[in-house]
Protein backbone atom coordinates (compact mmCIF):
# COMPACT_ATOMS: atom_id res chain seq x y z
CA MET A 1 107.62 92.77 97.29
CA LYS A 2 108.51 92.31 100.91
CA MET A 3 106.09 91.03 103.54
CA ARG A 4 106.44 94.30 105.42
CA GLU A 5 105.10 96.17 102.40
CA LEU A 6 102.30 93.67 101.87
CA ARG A 7 101.15 93.85 105.49
CA GLU A 8 100.47 97.57 105.03
CA LEU A 9 97.97 96.89 102.23
CA ALA A 10 94.25 96.45 102.83
CA ASP A 11 92.44 93.26 101.86
CA GLN A 12 91.01 94.74 98.67
CA GLU A 13 94.42 96.06 97.66
CA LEU A 14 95.85 92.56 98.06
CA ILE A 15 93.11 91.16 95.83
CA ASP A 16 93.92 93.79 93.21
CA LYS A 17 97.61 92.95 93.51
CA ILE A 18 96.86 89.26 92.95
CA GLU A 19 94.98 90.09 89.77
CA ASP A 20 97.81 92.31 88.52
CA ILE A 21 100.39 89.61 89.18
CA ARG A 22 98.31 86.95 87.43
CA VAL A 23 97.95 89.14 84.35
CA GLU A 24 101.67 89.85 84.29
CA LEU A 25 102.49 86.15 84.72
CA PHE A 26 100.21 85.31 81.82
CA ASN A 27 101.96 87.85 79.62
CA LEU A 28 105.40 86.60 80.65
CA ARG A 29 104.45 83.00 79.91
CA PHE A 30 103.19 84.09 76.51
CA GLN A 31 106.50 85.86 75.83
CA LYS A 32 108.39 82.77 76.98
CA ALA A 33 106.48 80.60 74.54
CA GLN A 34 107.52 82.94 71.75
CA ASN A 35 111.15 83.03 72.94
CA ARG A 36 110.92 86.79 73.51
CA LEU A 37 111.30 86.77 77.29
CA GLU A 38 113.91 89.33 78.36
CA ASN A 39 114.08 88.54 82.08
CA PRO A 40 113.21 84.91 82.91
CA ASN A 41 113.83 85.53 86.62
CA ARG A 42 110.79 87.85 86.71
CA ILE A 43 108.47 84.81 86.56
CA ARG A 44 110.06 83.38 89.69
CA VAL A 45 109.85 86.71 91.52
CA LEU A 46 106.16 87.11 90.68
CA LYS A 47 105.34 83.56 91.80
CA LYS A 48 107.03 84.23 95.14
CA ASP A 49 105.13 87.50 95.52
CA LEU A 50 101.87 85.66 94.82
CA THR A 51 102.71 83.07 97.45
CA ARG A 52 103.52 85.78 99.99
CA ILE A 53 100.14 87.40 99.39
CA PHE A 54 98.32 84.08 99.79
CA THR A 55 100.23 83.44 103.03
CA LEU A 56 99.29 86.86 104.34
CA GLN A 57 95.63 86.30 103.49
CA THR A 58 95.71 82.97 105.35
CA GLU A 59 97.29 84.65 108.38
CA ARG A 60 94.62 87.33 108.40
CA LYS A 61 91.82 84.77 108.17
CA SER A 62 93.39 82.81 111.01
CA ASP A 63 93.68 85.95 113.15
CA GLN A 64 90.04 86.83 112.48
CA ALA A 65 88.92 83.32 113.43
CA GLU A 66 90.89 83.49 116.68
CA SER A 67 89.50 86.90 117.57
CA THR A 68 85.89 85.77 117.01
CA GLU A 69 86.40 82.68 119.21
CA ARG A 70 87.41 84.79 122.21
């Protein structure tokens, strides 16, 4: 997912997305352990998506803190 797409999501939608990604990562790791993983690159893509979401959440918290200080 691109940052542009993530920025359009609400906070609760981001939380739901995090949960979905974590479940999918768990399943992919399980498949990898059984040597049944079809697309190993998918793990990397999901980890990057998760990091993008965490970065966006941090940005939003920072923006909220700045707006309350003014």
